[in-house]
Amino acid sequence: MLVTAVWGLEGIYKLMSLGLIASFILYLKLKDFNLDRAPKKAKEKVTLENF
C-alpha cells in the first residue's frame, strides 16, 4: 500500500477516524432518503430557442 509507505500506520489510523466521522455524518443526512418521492421539477431550462 502506497499510503502505508508514505504516512505509516499512525497516519492511517488518523485517517480512519476522519473517515468514520464522515461516514456517520453522511448516514445521518441520508438515512431518511426516499427514492420513491417525485423529483423536484426544474424551472424552465434556458435554451437557445427560449433565449
C-alpha atoms as a PDB file:
ATOM      1  CA  MET A   1       0.000   0.000   0.000  1.00  0.00           C
ATOM      2  CA  LEU A   2       1.374   3.345  -1.004  1.00  0.00           C
ATOM      3  CA  VAL A   3      -0.411   5.184   1.811  1.00  0.00           C
ATOM      4  CA  THR A   4       1.201   2.930   4.412  1.00  0.00           C
ATOM      5  CA  ALA A   5       4.644   3.565   2.981  1.00  0.00           C
ATOM      6  CA  VAL A   6       4.239   7.348   2.919  1.00  0.00           C
ATOM      7  CA  TRP A   7       2.379   8.055   6.190  1.00  0.00           C
ATOM      8  CA  GLY A   8       2.979   4.974   8.301  1.00  0.00           C
ATOM      9  CA  LEU A   9       0.397   3.230  10.439  1.00  0.00           C
ATOM     10  CA  GLU A  10      -0.142   6.257  12.669  1.00  0.00           C
ATOM     11  CA  GLY A  11      -1.262   8.348   9.696  1.00  0.00           C
ATOM     12  CA  ILE A  12      -3.652   5.663   8.539  1.00  0.00           C
ATOM     13  CA  TYR A  13      -5.248   5.465  11.992  1.00  0.00           C
ATOM     14  CA  LYS A  14      -5.791   9.234  11.936  1.00  0.00           C
ATOM     15  CA  LEU A  15      -7.420   8.998   8.507  1.00  0.00           C
ATOM     16  CA  MET A  16      -9.631   6.116   9.631  1.00  0.00           C
ATOM     17  CA  SER A  17     -11.141   8.228  12.397  1.00  0.00           C
ATOM     18  CA  LEU A  18     -11.838  11.039   9.933  1.00  0.00           C
ATOM     19  CA  GLY A  19     -13.449   8.557   7.524  1.00  0.00           C
ATOM     20  CA  LEU A  20     -15.649   7.099  10.254  1.00  0.00           C
ATOM     21  CA  ILE A  21     -16.845  10.559  11.281  1.00  0.00           C
ATOM     22  CA  ALA A  22     -17.590  11.482   7.651  1.00  0.00           C
ATOM     23  CA  SER A  23     -19.465   8.202   7.134  1.00  0.00           C
ATOM     24  CA  PHE A  24     -21.557   8.800  10.250  1.00  0.00           C
ATOM     25  CA  ILE A  25     -22.472  12.323   9.106  1.00  0.00           C
ATOM     26  CA  LEU A  26     -23.467  11.022   5.667  1.00  0.00           C
ATOM     27  CA  TYR A  27     -25.546   8.290   7.297  1.00  0.00           C
ATOM     28  CA  LEU A  28     -27.422  10.841   9.389  1.00  0.00           C
ATOM     29  CA  LYS A  29     -28.102  13.001   6.336  1.00  0.00           C
ATOM     30  CA  LEU A  30     -29.183  10.160   4.048  1.00  0.00           C
ATOM     31  CA  LYS A  31     -30.984   7.747   6.391  1.00  0.00           C
ATOM     32  CA  ASP A  32     -34.413   9.209   5.552  1.00  0.00           C
ATOM     33  CA  PHE A  33     -33.719   9.483   1.820  1.00  0.00           C
ATOM     34  CA  ASN A  34     -36.597   8.082  -0.217  1.00  0.00           C
ATOM     35  CA  LEU A  35     -36.187   7.189  -3.875  1.00  0.00           C
ATOM     36  CA  ASP A  36     -39.944   6.875  -4.392  1.00  0.00           C
ATOM     37  CA  ARG A  37     -40.702  10.551  -3.936  1.00  0.00           C
ATOM     38  CA  ALA A  38     -41.108  12.592  -7.072  1.00  0.00           C
ATOM     39  CA  PRO A  39     -38.105  14.662  -8.025  1.00  0.00           C
ATOM     40  CA  LYS A  40     -38.495  18.421  -7.966  1.00  0.00           C
ATOM     41  CA  LYS A  41     -39.249  19.762 -11.386  1.00  0.00           C
ATOM     42  CA  ALA A  42     -36.656  22.186 -12.579  1.00  0.00           C
ATOM     43  CA  LYS A  43     -37.673  25.629 -13.596  1.00  0.00           C
ATOM     44  CA  GLU A  44     -37.678  26.315 -17.290  1.00  0.00           C
ATOM     45  CA  LYS A  45     -34.340  25.408 -18.799  1.00  0.00           C
ATOM     46  CA  VAL A  46     -32.611  28.130 -20.719  1.00  0.00           C
ATOM     47  CA  THR A  47     -32.016  27.072 -24.296  1.00  0.00           C
ATOM     48  CA  LEU A  48     -31.220  28.977 -27.445  1.00  0.00           C
ATOM     49  CA  GLU A  49     -34.865  28.752 -28.553  1.00  0.00           C
ATOM     50  CA  ASN A  50     -36.115  30.272 -25.283  1.00  0.00           C
ATOM     51  CA  PHE A  51     -33.408  32.911 -25.137  1.00  0.00           C
END
